[in-house]
Structures are given as structure tokens and as C-alpha cells.
Amino acid sequence: MKHLLILSIWFPLTLITLFISLFTYQQITKTKQLKTLVKNEITLLAKNPYRVYSALPKTVGRITSAVKTGDARPVILCQYLEKHNSPMAPYCLQLFEAGEKYELDYRLMTAIAMCESNLCKKSPPNSFNCWGFENGATKFLSWEHAFERVAKTLKEGYIDQGLITPEQIMPKYAPPSVAIGGPWAKCVNQFLEEQE
């Protein structure tokens, strides 16, 4: 019973002694740091008596930040369309999603639209046809309808047939361009690179 009583007194006293020792050690360390700082200031003051001091600002709070990772491709696409004042710019996310649905390079539809219609600025009115489908005769019902149809056509009629590069796509998509040295493929390649 005496051992239990001694143990119940000894344990709390040990904790209290430990906390007092830790607190004292911190105070001594702070005092030593302060003495060193004052000594350094006195040395600097002796070398240069004309020093200007100002009070440190109060700490207002903490600044924290977080870096989030994500897919930059839709942002690049949207910025590209906005930079060129394309009528498709407000629908850039739908354009990106249509390309993703059919596993297309996100830049391909935009590059073709740039070559065919200056990103829809020179397409037939109310046709939503920025890609020169049927030499501009095709009329889509909406931007979403156009994106879906163009993406599906590029995927099934070209990519799935092994026509992947602009040079491979050109003979089927823009046959007259082949006879004159392939400016269509050069144009598409230029705008693919511009979007990187």
C-alpha cells in the first residue's frame, strides 16, 4: 500500500519537474539568443552610429497555399479560342469533351477549323460548320451537334482507318490540296504546334 502511495505521488511530481525544467531551458535559450542579438547590435552600432530602426509589423495571419494538379488541355484550348475571338470560345469545354469522347488529339478539331474557316469566323452563317464539311454545305443544328458529328467522323472515318497525321488525313479530307503541294496539311500542322 505504501508503494502505491509513493508511486502516486512520485509520478505527478516527476512530470511537474520535467515541465519546469523544459520551461527553464527554453527561457535560458531565449535569454542567450537575446544577449547574442544585443551584443551584435552593439558591435554594429559602434561601427556605424547612424542606424535607422522601425518596428516590425504585427503578424496578421498565415498565408497558406496549395498546388492543385489537373488537366491543362481544356484550359489551353479555351485560351486559344478566346485569343482568336472564335465564336466557339464559349463552348470550348464541350469541344474538348467531344474530342475526348472519341479519343482525338484535343488540338486536331481546332487546327482543322482554323484552316477551314479561321475558327468559324468565315463559315456559312448559322451552319455551325467550321470544318468545311461538304465544302461548307453541311449545316449542324448547334455547336454541340457539330462537335459530336465532327469528332465522330474524324475518329471513325480517318483515325480508325489509320489516317492519323494531317498528311495522311489530307488526301481524303482535302484532296485538291494534294495536287498543289499539301498546304492543307501544312496549315493543320502549324496550328497543331501553335496550341502546344
N, C-alpha and C. Protein backbone atom coordinates (compact mmCIF):
# COMPACT_ATOMS: atom_id res chain seq x y z
N MET A 1 0.82 -1.19 0.00
CA MET A 1 0.00 0.00 0.00
C MET A 1 0.86 1.25 0.00
N LYS A 2 2.00 1.19 0.79
CA LYS A 2 2.89 2.34 0.84
C LYS A 2 3.52 2.58 -0.54
N HIS A 3 3.82 1.47 -1.23
CA HIS A 3 4.43 1.61 -2.55
C HIS A 3 3.48 2.30 -3.53
N LEU A 4 2.24 1.97 -3.46
CA LEU A 4 1.24 2.58 -4.34
C LEU A 4 1.10 4.06 -4.04
N LEU A 5 1.12 4.42 -2.76
CA LEU A 5 1.03 5.82 -2.34
C LEU A 5 2.25 6.59 -2.82
N ILE A 6 3.43 6.00 -2.65
CA ILE A 6 4.67 6.67 -3.09
C ILE A 6 4.66 6.84 -4.61
N LEU A 7 4.25 5.82 -5.31
CA LEU A 7 4.19 5.88 -6.78
C LEU A 7 3.20 6.92 -7.26
N SER A 8 2.05 7.03 -6.58
CA SER A 8 1.04 8.01 -7.00
C SER A 8 1.50 9.44 -6.74
N ILE A 9 2.41 9.65 -5.78
CA ILE A 9 2.94 10.99 -5.52
C ILE A 9 4.15 11.24 -6.42
N TRP A 10 4.99 10.21 -6.58
CA TRP A 10 6.23 10.37 -7.33
C TRP A 10 5.98 10.68 -8.81
N PHE A 11 5.04 10.01 -9.44
CA PHE A 11 4.78 10.20 -10.88
C PHE A 11 4.35 11.63 -11.21
N PRO A 12 3.34 12.21 -10.55
CA PRO A 12 2.97 13.60 -10.87
C PRO A 12 4.11 14.58 -10.58
N LEU A 13 4.87 14.35 -9.49
CA LEU A 13 5.98 15.25 -9.19
C LEU A 13 7.05 15.19 -10.27
N THR A 14 7.27 14.01 -10.81
CA THR A 14 8.25 13.85 -11.89
C THR A 14 7.81 14.63 -13.13
N LEU A 15 6.53 14.55 -13.46
CA LEU A 15 6.01 15.30 -14.62
C LEU A 15 6.13 16.80 -14.40
N ILE A 16 5.79 17.25 -13.22
CA ILE A 16 5.88 18.69 -12.91
C ILE A 16 7.33 19.14 -13.01
N THR A 17 8.25 18.35 -12.47
CA THR A 17 9.67 18.70 -12.51
C THR A 17 10.16 18.74 -13.96
N LEU A 18 9.72 17.82 -14.77
CA LEU A 18 10.10 17.79 -16.18
C LEU A 18 9.60 19.03 -16.91
N PHE A 19 8.35 19.42 -16.69
CA PHE A 19 7.81 20.63 -17.33
C PHE A 19 8.53 21.88 -16.87
N ILE A 20 8.86 21.97 -15.58
CA ILE A 20 9.59 23.15 -15.07
C ILE A 20 10.97 23.20 -15.69
N SER A 21 11.64 22.05 -15.82
CA SER A 21 12.99 22.00 -16.42
C SER A 21 12.94 22.42 -17.88
N LEU A 22 11.96 21.94 -18.61
CA LEU A 22 11.81 22.30 -20.02
C LEU A 22 11.55 23.79 -20.18
N PHE A 23 10.66 24.33 -19.38
CA PHE A 23 10.35 25.76 -19.43
C PHE A 23 11.59 26.59 -19.11
N THR A 24 12.34 26.19 -18.09
CA THR A 24 13.55 26.91 -17.69
C THR A 24 14.58 26.86 -18.81
N TYR A 25 14.73 25.69 -19.44
CA TYR A 25 15.68 25.55 -20.54
C TYR A 25 15.30 26.48 -21.69
N GLN A 26 14.02 26.57 -22.02
CA GLN A 26 13.58 27.46 -23.10
C GLN A 26 13.87 28.92 -22.75
N GLN A 27 13.63 29.29 -21.51
CA GLN A 27 13.88 30.67 -21.09
C GLN A 27 15.37 30.99 -21.15
N ILE A 28 16.21 30.06 -20.72
CA ILE A 28 17.66 30.28 -20.77
C ILE A 28 18.12 30.41 -22.22
N THR A 29 17.59 29.56 -23.11
CA THR A 29 17.95 29.61 -24.53
C THR A 29 17.53 30.95 -25.13
N LYS A 30 16.32 31.40 -24.82
CA LYS A 30 15.85 32.69 -25.32
C LYS A 30 16.72 33.82 -24.78
N THR A 31 17.10 33.75 -23.53
CA THR A 31 17.94 34.78 -22.92
C THR A 31 19.30 34.82 -23.60
N LYS A 32 19.89 33.64 -23.86
CA LYS A 32 21.18 33.58 -24.55
C LYS A 32 21.07 34.17 -25.95
N GLN A 33 19.98 33.85 -26.66
CA GLN A 33 19.78 34.38 -28.01
C GLN A 33 19.63 35.90 -27.96
N LEU A 34 18.89 36.39 -26.98
CA LEU A 34 18.69 37.82 -26.84
C LEU A 34 20.01 38.52 -26.53
N LYS A 35 20.81 37.93 -25.63
CA LYS A 35 22.12 38.52 -25.29
C LYS A 35 23.00 38.57 -26.53
N THR A 36 23.00 37.51 -27.34
CA THR A 36 23.80 37.47 -28.56
C THR A 36 23.33 38.54 -29.54
N LEU A 37 22.03 38.70 -29.67
CA LEU A 37 21.47 39.71 -30.56
C LEU A 37 21.85 41.11 -30.10
N VAL A 38 21.73 41.38 -28.81
CA VAL A 38 22.09 42.70 -28.28
C VAL A 38 23.57 42.96 -28.49
N LYS A 39 24.40 41.96 -28.22
CA LYS A 39 25.84 42.10 -28.40
C LYS A 39 26.17 42.43 -29.86
N ASN A 40 25.52 41.73 -30.79
CA ASN A 40 25.74 42.00 -32.23
C ASN A 40 25.31 43.42 -32.59
N GLU A 41 24.19 43.87 -32.06
CA GLU A 41 23.69 45.22 -32.34
C GLU A 41 24.65 46.27 -31.79
N ILE A 42 25.18 46.04 -30.62
CA ILE A 42 26.14 46.99 -30.02
C ILE A 42 27.39 47.07 -30.89
N THR A 43 27.85 45.91 -31.38
CA THR A 43 29.03 45.89 -32.25
C THR A 43 28.75 46.67 -33.54
N LEU A 44 27.58 46.44 -34.15
CA LEU A 44 27.22 47.17 -35.38
C LEU A 44 27.06 48.66 -35.12
N LEU A 45 26.49 49.02 -33.98
CA LEU A 45 26.28 50.43 -33.63
C LEU A 45 27.62 51.13 -33.45
N ALA A 46 28.60 50.42 -32.89
CA ALA A 46 29.92 51.01 -32.71
C ALA A 46 30.57 51.29 -34.06
N LYS A 47 30.32 50.42 -35.03
CA LYS A 47 30.88 50.61 -36.36
C LYS A 47 30.15 51.70 -37.14
N ASN A 48 28.83 51.77 -36.97
CA ASN A 48 28.01 52.74 -37.70
C ASN A 48 26.97 53.31 -36.74
N PRO A 49 27.24 54.48 -36.16
CA PRO A 49 26.32 55.03 -35.15
C PRO A 49 25.01 55.56 -35.73
N TYR A 50 24.92 55.72 -37.04
CA TYR A 50 23.72 56.29 -37.64
C TYR A 50 22.88 55.18 -38.27
N ARG A 51 22.13 54.49 -37.48
CA ARG A 51 21.27 53.41 -37.97
C ARG A 51 19.82 53.79 -37.72
N VAL A 52 18.96 53.38 -38.63
CA VAL A 52 17.54 53.67 -38.52
C VAL A 52 16.83 52.37 -38.20
N TYR A 53 15.92 52.42 -37.22
CA TYR A 53 15.16 51.24 -36.82
C TYR A 53 13.68 51.54 -36.98
N SER A 54 12.94 50.51 -37.24
CA SER A 54 11.48 50.65 -37.27
C SER A 54 10.88 49.41 -36.63
N ALA A 55 9.67 49.58 -36.16
CA ALA A 55 9.00 48.46 -35.51
C ALA A 55 8.58 47.44 -36.55
N LEU A 56 8.63 46.19 -36.17
CA LEU A 56 8.15 45.13 -37.06
C LEU A 56 6.63 45.19 -37.11
N PRO A 57 6.06 44.91 -38.27
CA PRO A 57 4.59 44.89 -38.34
C PRO A 57 4.03 43.73 -37.52
N LYS A 58 2.82 43.94 -37.05
CA LYS A 58 2.16 42.86 -36.32
C LYS A 58 1.85 41.71 -37.28
N THR A 59 1.87 40.53 -36.77
CA THR A 59 1.52 39.38 -37.57
C THR A 59 0.00 39.35 -37.73
N VAL A 60 -0.44 39.38 -38.97
CA VAL A 60 -1.86 39.44 -39.25
C VAL A 60 -2.46 38.05 -39.37
N GLY A 61 -1.70 37.13 -39.82
CA GLY A 61 -2.20 35.77 -40.02
C GLY A 61 -1.19 34.98 -40.80
N ARG A 62 -1.59 33.84 -41.24
CA ARG A 62 -0.71 32.99 -42.03
C ARG A 62 -1.19 32.94 -43.46
N ILE A 63 -0.24 32.88 -44.33
CA ILE A 63 -0.56 32.70 -45.74
C ILE A 63 -0.28 31.25 -46.06
N THR A 64 -1.27 30.60 -46.56
CA THR A 64 -1.09 29.21 -46.95
C THR A 64 -1.46 29.08 -48.41
N SER A 65 -0.89 28.11 -49.04
CA SER A 65 -1.24 27.87 -50.44
C SER A 65 -1.23 26.38 -50.69
N ALA A 66 -1.89 26.05 -51.75
CA ALA A 66 -1.94 24.65 -52.15
C ALA A 66 -1.78 24.59 -53.66
N VAL A 67 -1.06 23.64 -54.14
CA VAL A 67 -0.88 23.45 -55.56
C VAL A 67 -1.77 22.28 -55.97
N LYS A 68 -2.64 22.57 -56.90
CA LYS A 68 -3.53 21.52 -57.38
C LYS A 68 -3.09 21.14 -58.78
N THR A 69 -3.14 19.88 -59.04
CA THR A 69 -2.79 19.43 -60.37
C THR A 69 -4.07 19.11 -61.13
N GLY A 70 -4.00 19.24 -62.40
CA GLY A 70 -5.16 18.94 -63.22
C GLY A 70 -4.76 18.90 -64.68
N ASP A 71 -5.73 18.71 -65.52
CA ASP A 71 -5.51 18.61 -66.95
C ASP A 71 -5.50 20.02 -67.53
N ALA A 72 -4.38 20.44 -68.07
CA ALA A 72 -4.26 21.79 -68.63
C ALA A 72 -4.82 21.89 -70.04
N ARG A 73 -5.07 20.77 -70.69
CA ARG A 73 -5.50 20.80 -72.09
C ARG A 73 -6.78 21.61 -72.32
N PRO A 74 -7.84 21.43 -71.50
CA PRO A 74 -9.03 22.25 -71.76
C PRO A 74 -8.76 23.74 -71.56
N VAL A 75 -7.90 24.07 -70.62
CA VAL A 75 -7.57 25.48 -70.38
C VAL A 75 -6.82 26.04 -71.59
N ILE A 76 -5.87 25.28 -72.11
CA ILE A 76 -5.11 25.72 -73.29
C ILE A 76 -6.06 25.91 -74.47
N LEU A 77 -6.97 24.97 -74.67
CA LEU A 77 -7.92 25.06 -75.77
C LEU A 77 -8.82 26.30 -75.62
N CYS A 78 -9.36 26.50 -74.44
CA CYS A 78 -10.24 27.66 -74.21
C CYS A 78 -9.49 28.98 -74.42
N GLN A 79 -8.28 29.06 -73.91
CA GLN A 79 -7.49 30.29 -74.08
C GLN A 79 -7.17 30.53 -75.56
N TYR A 80 -6.89 29.46 -76.28
CA TYR A 80 -6.59 29.59 -77.70
C TYR A 80 -7.80 30.14 -78.46
N LEU A 81 -8.97 29.59 -78.21
CA LEU A 81 -10.19 30.05 -78.89
C LEU A 81 -10.52 31.50 -78.50
N GLU A 82 -10.34 31.84 -77.23
CA GLU A 82 -10.60 33.22 -76.79
C GLU A 82 -9.61 34.19 -77.41
N LYS A 83 -8.35 33.78 -77.48
CA LYS A 83 -7.30 34.63 -78.07
C LYS A 83 -7.63 35.00 -79.51
N HIS A 84 -8.23 34.06 -80.24
CA HIS A 84 -8.56 34.28 -81.65
C HIS A 84 -10.02 34.72 -81.85
N ASN A 85 -10.69 35.07 -80.78
CA ASN A 85 -12.08 35.56 -80.84
C ASN A 85 -12.99 34.63 -81.62
N SER A 86 -12.85 33.35 -81.38
CA SER A 86 -13.67 32.38 -82.09
C SER A 86 -15.08 32.34 -81.52
N PRO A 87 -16.09 32.21 -82.37
CA PRO A 87 -17.46 32.04 -81.87
C PRO A 87 -17.62 30.75 -81.06
N MET A 88 -16.66 29.81 -81.21
CA MET A 88 -16.71 28.57 -80.44
C MET A 88 -16.21 28.75 -79.01
N ALA A 89 -15.56 29.85 -78.69
CA ALA A 89 -14.92 30.04 -77.38
C ALA A 89 -15.85 29.74 -76.20
N PRO A 90 -17.11 30.20 -76.21
CA PRO A 90 -17.97 29.89 -75.06
C PRO A 90 -18.29 28.40 -74.93
N TYR A 91 -18.03 27.64 -75.97
CA TYR A 91 -18.34 26.21 -75.97
C TYR A 91 -17.08 25.35 -75.96
N CYS A 92 -15.97 25.94 -75.53
CA CYS A 92 -14.68 25.24 -75.62
C CYS A 92 -14.66 23.95 -74.81
N LEU A 93 -15.32 23.92 -73.68
CA LEU A 93 -15.32 22.68 -72.88
C LEU A 93 -16.10 21.56 -73.58
N GLN A 94 -17.19 21.92 -74.24
CA GLN A 94 -17.94 20.91 -75.00
C GLN A 94 -17.11 20.40 -76.18
N LEU A 95 -16.35 21.29 -76.81
CA LEU A 95 -15.47 20.88 -77.91
C LEU A 95 -14.42 19.91 -77.39
N PHE A 96 -13.82 20.25 -76.26
CA PHE A 96 -12.81 19.37 -75.67
C PHE A 96 -13.41 18.01 -75.32
N GLU A 97 -14.59 18.02 -74.70
CA GLU A 97 -15.23 16.76 -74.29
C GLU A 97 -15.58 15.87 -75.49
N ALA A 98 -15.99 16.48 -76.58
CA ALA A 98 -16.31 15.69 -77.79
C ALA A 98 -15.04 15.01 -78.30
N GLY A 99 -13.93 15.74 -78.32
CA GLY A 99 -12.67 15.13 -78.73
C GLY A 99 -12.24 14.01 -77.80
N GLU A 100 -12.41 14.21 -76.50
CA GLU A 100 -12.06 13.19 -75.52
C GLU A 100 -12.92 11.94 -75.69
N LYS A 101 -14.20 12.15 -75.97
CA LYS A 101 -15.13 11.03 -76.13
C LYS A 101 -14.66 10.09 -77.24
N TYR A 102 -14.10 10.68 -78.31
CA TYR A 102 -13.65 9.89 -79.45
C TYR A 102 -12.13 9.71 -79.47
N GLU A 103 -11.49 10.01 -78.37
CA GLU A 103 -10.04 9.81 -78.20
C GLU A 103 -9.22 10.51 -79.27
N LEU A 104 -9.59 11.76 -79.57
CA LEU A 104 -8.86 12.56 -80.54
C LEU A 104 -7.85 13.45 -79.82
N ASP A 105 -6.79 13.82 -80.52
CA ASP A 105 -5.89 14.84 -80.02
C ASP A 105 -6.74 16.11 -79.83
N TYR A 106 -6.71 16.68 -78.65
CA TYR A 106 -7.60 17.80 -78.35
C TYR A 106 -7.39 18.99 -79.28
N ARG A 107 -6.26 19.06 -79.96
CA ARG A 107 -5.94 20.20 -80.83
C ARG A 107 -6.43 20.01 -82.26
N LEU A 108 -6.72 18.77 -82.66
CA LEU A 108 -6.99 18.47 -84.06
C LEU A 108 -8.21 19.22 -84.61
N MET A 109 -9.33 19.14 -83.93
CA MET A 109 -10.55 19.79 -84.43
C MET A 109 -10.36 21.30 -84.53
N THR A 110 -9.64 21.87 -83.58
CA THR A 110 -9.40 23.31 -83.60
C THR A 110 -8.47 23.69 -84.75
N ALA A 111 -7.42 22.89 -84.96
CA ALA A 111 -6.48 23.19 -86.04
C ALA A 111 -7.18 23.12 -87.40
N ILE A 112 -8.02 22.11 -87.59
CA ILE A 112 -8.76 22.00 -88.87
C ILE A 112 -9.71 23.18 -89.02
N ALA A 113 -10.39 23.54 -87.94
CA ALA A 113 -11.32 24.69 -88.00
C ALA A 113 -10.57 25.99 -88.31
N MET A 114 -9.35 26.11 -87.80
CA MET A 114 -8.57 27.32 -88.08
C MET A 114 -8.24 27.39 -89.57
N CYS A 115 -7.87 26.24 -90.17
CA CYS A 115 -7.52 26.22 -91.59
C CYS A 115 -8.74 26.37 -92.50
N GLU A 116 -9.84 25.79 -92.11
CA GLU A 116 -11.03 25.78 -92.95
C GLU A 116 -11.86 27.07 -92.85
N SER A 117 -11.90 27.68 -91.67
CA SER A 117 -12.82 28.82 -91.50
C SER A 117 -12.33 29.91 -90.56
N ASN A 118 -11.01 29.93 -90.29
CA ASN A 118 -10.47 30.90 -89.34
C ASN A 118 -11.22 30.80 -88.01
N LEU A 119 -11.34 29.57 -87.52
CA LEU A 119 -12.05 29.25 -86.27
C LEU A 119 -13.49 29.74 -86.29
N CYS A 120 -14.17 29.50 -87.40
CA CYS A 120 -15.61 29.77 -87.58
C CYS A 120 -15.94 31.22 -87.89
N LYS A 121 -14.93 32.03 -88.06
CA LYS A 121 -15.22 33.43 -88.39
C LYS A 121 -15.59 33.60 -89.87
N LYS A 122 -15.26 32.57 -90.68
CA LYS A 122 -15.58 32.61 -92.11
C LYS A 122 -16.34 31.37 -92.52
N SER A 123 -17.30 30.97 -91.72
CA SER A 123 -18.11 29.80 -92.06
C SER A 123 -19.50 30.28 -92.46
N PRO A 124 -20.26 29.46 -93.19
CA PRO A 124 -21.62 29.86 -93.58
C PRO A 124 -22.45 30.23 -92.35
N PRO A 125 -23.21 31.30 -92.41
CA PRO A 125 -24.00 31.75 -91.26
C PRO A 125 -24.94 30.67 -90.74
N ASN A 126 -25.02 30.56 -89.44
CA ASN A 126 -25.92 29.63 -88.74
C ASN A 126 -25.74 28.16 -89.15
N SER A 127 -24.56 27.82 -89.67
CA SER A 127 -24.33 26.44 -90.08
C SER A 127 -23.58 25.65 -89.02
N PHE A 128 -22.88 26.37 -88.12
CA PHE A 128 -22.02 25.74 -87.11
C PHE A 128 -20.99 24.83 -87.77
N ASN A 129 -20.71 25.07 -89.06
CA ASN A 129 -19.79 24.24 -89.82
C ASN A 129 -18.47 24.98 -89.99
N CYS A 130 -17.57 24.75 -89.06
CA CYS A 130 -16.26 25.40 -89.07
C CYS A 130 -15.21 24.54 -89.74
N TRP A 131 -15.55 23.34 -90.14
CA TRP A 131 -14.59 22.34 -90.60
C TRP A 131 -14.69 22.09 -92.11
N GLY A 132 -15.52 22.86 -92.80
CA GLY A 132 -15.63 22.72 -94.24
C GLY A 132 -16.26 21.41 -94.68
N PHE A 133 -17.10 20.83 -93.84
CA PHE A 133 -17.77 19.58 -94.23
C PHE A 133 -18.60 19.83 -95.49
N GLU A 134 -18.43 18.97 -96.49
CA GLU A 134 -19.10 19.08 -97.79
C GLU A 134 -18.90 20.48 -98.38
N ASN A 135 -17.66 20.95 -98.32
CA ASN A 135 -17.31 22.30 -98.81
C ASN A 135 -18.20 23.38 -98.20
N GLY A 136 -18.59 23.17 -96.97
CA GLY A 136 -19.40 24.16 -96.25
C GLY A 136 -20.89 23.97 -96.39
N ALA A 137 -21.33 22.97 -97.15
CA ALA A 137 -22.76 22.77 -97.38
C ALA A 137 -23.46 22.15 -96.17
N THR A 138 -22.75 21.42 -95.33
CA THR A 138 -23.36 20.78 -94.17
C THR A 138 -23.77 21.84 -93.16
N LYS A 139 -24.99 21.69 -92.65
CA LYS A 139 -25.47 22.59 -91.59
C LYS A 139 -25.77 21.74 -90.36
N PHE A 140 -25.12 22.09 -89.25
CA PHE A 140 -25.36 21.41 -88.00
C PHE A 140 -26.41 22.17 -87.22
N LEU A 141 -27.07 21.49 -86.30
CA LEU A 141 -28.16 22.11 -85.53
C LEU A 141 -27.66 23.04 -84.42
N SER A 142 -26.46 22.74 -83.89
CA SER A 142 -25.91 23.52 -82.77
C SER A 142 -24.41 23.26 -82.70
N TRP A 143 -23.74 23.98 -81.82
CA TRP A 143 -22.31 23.73 -81.61
C TRP A 143 -22.10 22.30 -81.11
N GLU A 144 -22.90 21.89 -80.15
CA GLU A 144 -22.75 20.56 -79.58
C GLU A 144 -22.93 19.48 -80.65
N HIS A 145 -23.93 19.67 -81.51
CA HIS A 145 -24.18 18.73 -82.60
C HIS A 145 -22.99 18.69 -83.55
N ALA A 146 -22.44 19.85 -83.86
CA ALA A 146 -21.28 19.93 -84.76
C ALA A 146 -20.07 19.23 -84.13
N PHE A 147 -19.81 19.51 -82.86
CA PHE A 147 -18.64 18.90 -82.20
C PHE A 147 -18.76 17.37 -82.21
N GLU A 148 -19.94 16.89 -81.87
CA GLU A 148 -20.18 15.45 -81.82
C GLU A 148 -19.96 14.81 -83.19
N ARG A 149 -20.56 15.40 -84.20
CA ARG A 149 -20.51 14.83 -85.56
C ARG A 149 -19.10 14.88 -86.13
N VAL A 150 -18.41 16.01 -85.94
CA VAL A 150 -17.05 16.16 -86.48
C VAL A 150 -16.10 15.20 -85.76
N ALA A 151 -16.20 15.13 -84.45
CA ALA A 151 -15.32 14.23 -83.69
C ALA A 151 -15.55 12.78 -84.11
N LYS A 152 -16.81 12.39 -84.22
CA LYS A 152 -17.14 11.01 -84.62
C LYS A 152 -16.63 10.72 -86.03
N THR A 153 -16.80 11.66 -86.94
CA THR A 153 -16.34 11.47 -88.32
C THR A 153 -14.82 11.34 -88.38
N LEU A 154 -14.11 12.22 -87.66
CA LEU A 154 -12.65 12.15 -87.65
C LEU A 154 -12.17 10.82 -87.07
N LYS A 155 -12.82 10.38 -86.02
CA LYS A 155 -12.42 9.12 -85.37
C LYS A 155 -12.71 7.92 -86.27
N GLU A 156 -13.96 7.78 -86.72
CA GLU A 156 -14.36 6.58 -87.46
C GLU A 156 -13.90 6.60 -88.92
N GLY A 157 -13.92 7.78 -89.53
CA GLY A 157 -13.60 7.86 -90.95
C GLY A 157 -12.13 8.09 -91.26
N TYR A 158 -11.35 8.46 -90.26
CA TYR A 158 -9.94 8.77 -90.50
C TYR A 158 -9.01 8.03 -89.53
N ILE A 159 -9.09 8.34 -88.26
CA ILE A 159 -8.17 7.76 -87.27
C ILE A 159 -8.28 6.23 -87.25
N ASP A 160 -9.51 5.71 -87.18
CA ASP A 160 -9.70 4.26 -87.15
C ASP A 160 -9.27 3.59 -88.47
N GLN A 161 -9.14 4.37 -89.53
CA GLN A 161 -8.71 3.84 -90.83
C GLN A 161 -7.20 3.98 -91.01
N GLY A 162 -6.51 4.42 -89.94
CA GLY A 162 -5.05 4.56 -90.00
C GLY A 162 -4.58 5.90 -90.52
N LEU A 163 -5.52 6.82 -90.75
CA LEU A 163 -5.16 8.17 -91.21
C LEU A 163 -5.03 9.06 -89.97
N ILE A 164 -3.80 9.22 -89.50
CA ILE A 164 -3.59 9.86 -88.20
C ILE A 164 -3.00 11.25 -88.33
N THR A 165 -1.97 11.40 -89.15
CA THR A 165 -1.31 12.70 -89.29
C THR A 165 -2.08 13.55 -90.29
N PRO A 166 -1.87 14.88 -90.26
CA PRO A 166 -2.52 15.73 -91.27
C PRO A 166 -2.17 15.33 -92.70
N GLU A 167 -0.93 14.87 -92.91
CA GLU A 167 -0.53 14.43 -94.25
C GLU A 167 -1.33 13.20 -94.69
N GLN A 168 -1.63 12.32 -93.75
CA GLN A 168 -2.42 11.11 -94.07
C GLN A 168 -3.91 11.45 -94.22
N ILE A 169 -4.38 12.40 -93.45
CA ILE A 169 -5.80 12.79 -93.49
C ILE A 169 -6.11 13.58 -94.77
N MET A 170 -5.18 14.40 -95.20
CA MET A 170 -5.41 15.35 -96.30
C MET A 170 -5.96 14.73 -97.59
N PRO A 171 -5.43 13.61 -98.14
CA PRO A 171 -5.96 13.11 -99.41
C PRO A 171 -7.46 12.79 -99.37
N LYS A 172 -7.95 12.39 -98.22
CA LYS A 172 -9.38 12.07 -98.10
C LYS A 172 -10.19 13.31 -97.70
N TYR A 173 -9.62 14.15 -96.82
CA TYR A 173 -10.36 15.30 -96.27
C TYR A 173 -10.32 16.50 -97.22
N ALA A 174 -9.14 16.75 -97.79
CA ALA A 174 -8.98 17.91 -98.68
C ALA A 174 -8.17 17.50 -99.91
N PRO A 175 -8.76 16.65 -100.79
CA PRO A 175 -8.00 16.11 -101.93
C PRO A 175 -7.37 17.15 -102.85
N PRO A 176 -8.02 18.28 -103.14
CA PRO A 176 -7.38 19.25 -104.05
C PRO A 176 -6.05 19.78 -103.51
N SER A 177 -5.86 19.74 -102.22
CA SER A 177 -4.64 20.26 -101.62
C SER A 177 -3.41 19.40 -101.94
N VAL A 178 -3.65 18.12 -102.22
CA VAL A 178 -2.54 17.20 -102.52
C VAL A 178 -1.84 17.63 -103.80
N ALA A 179 -2.61 17.97 -104.83
CA ALA A 179 -2.05 18.32 -106.14
C ALA A 179 -1.22 19.61 -106.11
N ILE A 180 -1.44 20.45 -105.13
CA ILE A 180 -0.71 21.73 -105.09
C ILE A 180 0.34 21.77 -103.96
N GLY A 181 0.77 20.61 -103.53
CA GLY A 181 1.88 20.56 -102.57
C GLY A 181 1.49 20.41 -101.12
N GLY A 182 0.22 20.23 -100.85
CA GLY A 182 -0.22 19.95 -99.48
C GLY A 182 -0.31 21.11 -98.52
N PRO A 183 -0.79 22.29 -98.95
CA PRO A 183 -0.90 23.40 -98.00
C PRO A 183 -1.87 23.12 -96.84
N TRP A 184 -2.87 22.30 -97.08
CA TRP A 184 -3.83 21.99 -96.01
C TRP A 184 -3.12 21.30 -94.85
N ALA A 185 -2.32 20.28 -95.14
CA ALA A 185 -1.60 19.57 -94.08
C ALA A 185 -0.61 20.50 -93.37
N LYS A 186 0.05 21.35 -94.14
CA LYS A 186 0.99 22.31 -93.54
C LYS A 186 0.25 23.26 -92.60
N CYS A 187 -0.91 23.70 -93.03
CA CYS A 187 -1.73 24.61 -92.21
C CYS A 187 -2.15 23.92 -90.91
N VAL A 188 -2.67 22.70 -91.03
CA VAL A 188 -3.12 21.97 -89.84
C VAL A 188 -1.95 21.73 -88.89
N ASN A 189 -0.81 21.32 -89.43
CA ASN A 189 0.37 21.12 -88.59
C ASN A 189 0.80 22.40 -87.87
N GLN A 190 0.73 23.52 -88.59
CA GLN A 190 1.11 24.81 -87.98
C GLN A 190 0.23 25.10 -86.77
N PHE A 191 -1.07 24.90 -86.91
CA PHE A 191 -1.97 25.23 -85.81
C PHE A 191 -2.00 24.17 -84.72
N LEU A 192 -1.62 22.94 -85.06
CA LEU A 192 -1.43 21.93 -84.00
C LEU A 192 -0.26 22.37 -83.11
N GLU A 193 0.84 22.79 -83.74
CA GLU A 193 2.01 23.23 -82.98
C GLU A 193 1.72 24.49 -82.18
N GLU A 194 0.95 25.38 -82.75
CA GLU A 194 0.64 26.64 -82.07
C GLU A 194 -0.13 26.42 -80.77
N GLN A 195 -0.87 25.34 -80.68
CA GLN A 195 -1.68 25.06 -79.48
C GLN A 195 -0.90 24.30 -78.40
N GLU A 196 0.34 23.92 -78.66
CA GLU A 196 1.10 23.17 -77.65
C GLU A 196 1.47 24.05 -76.48
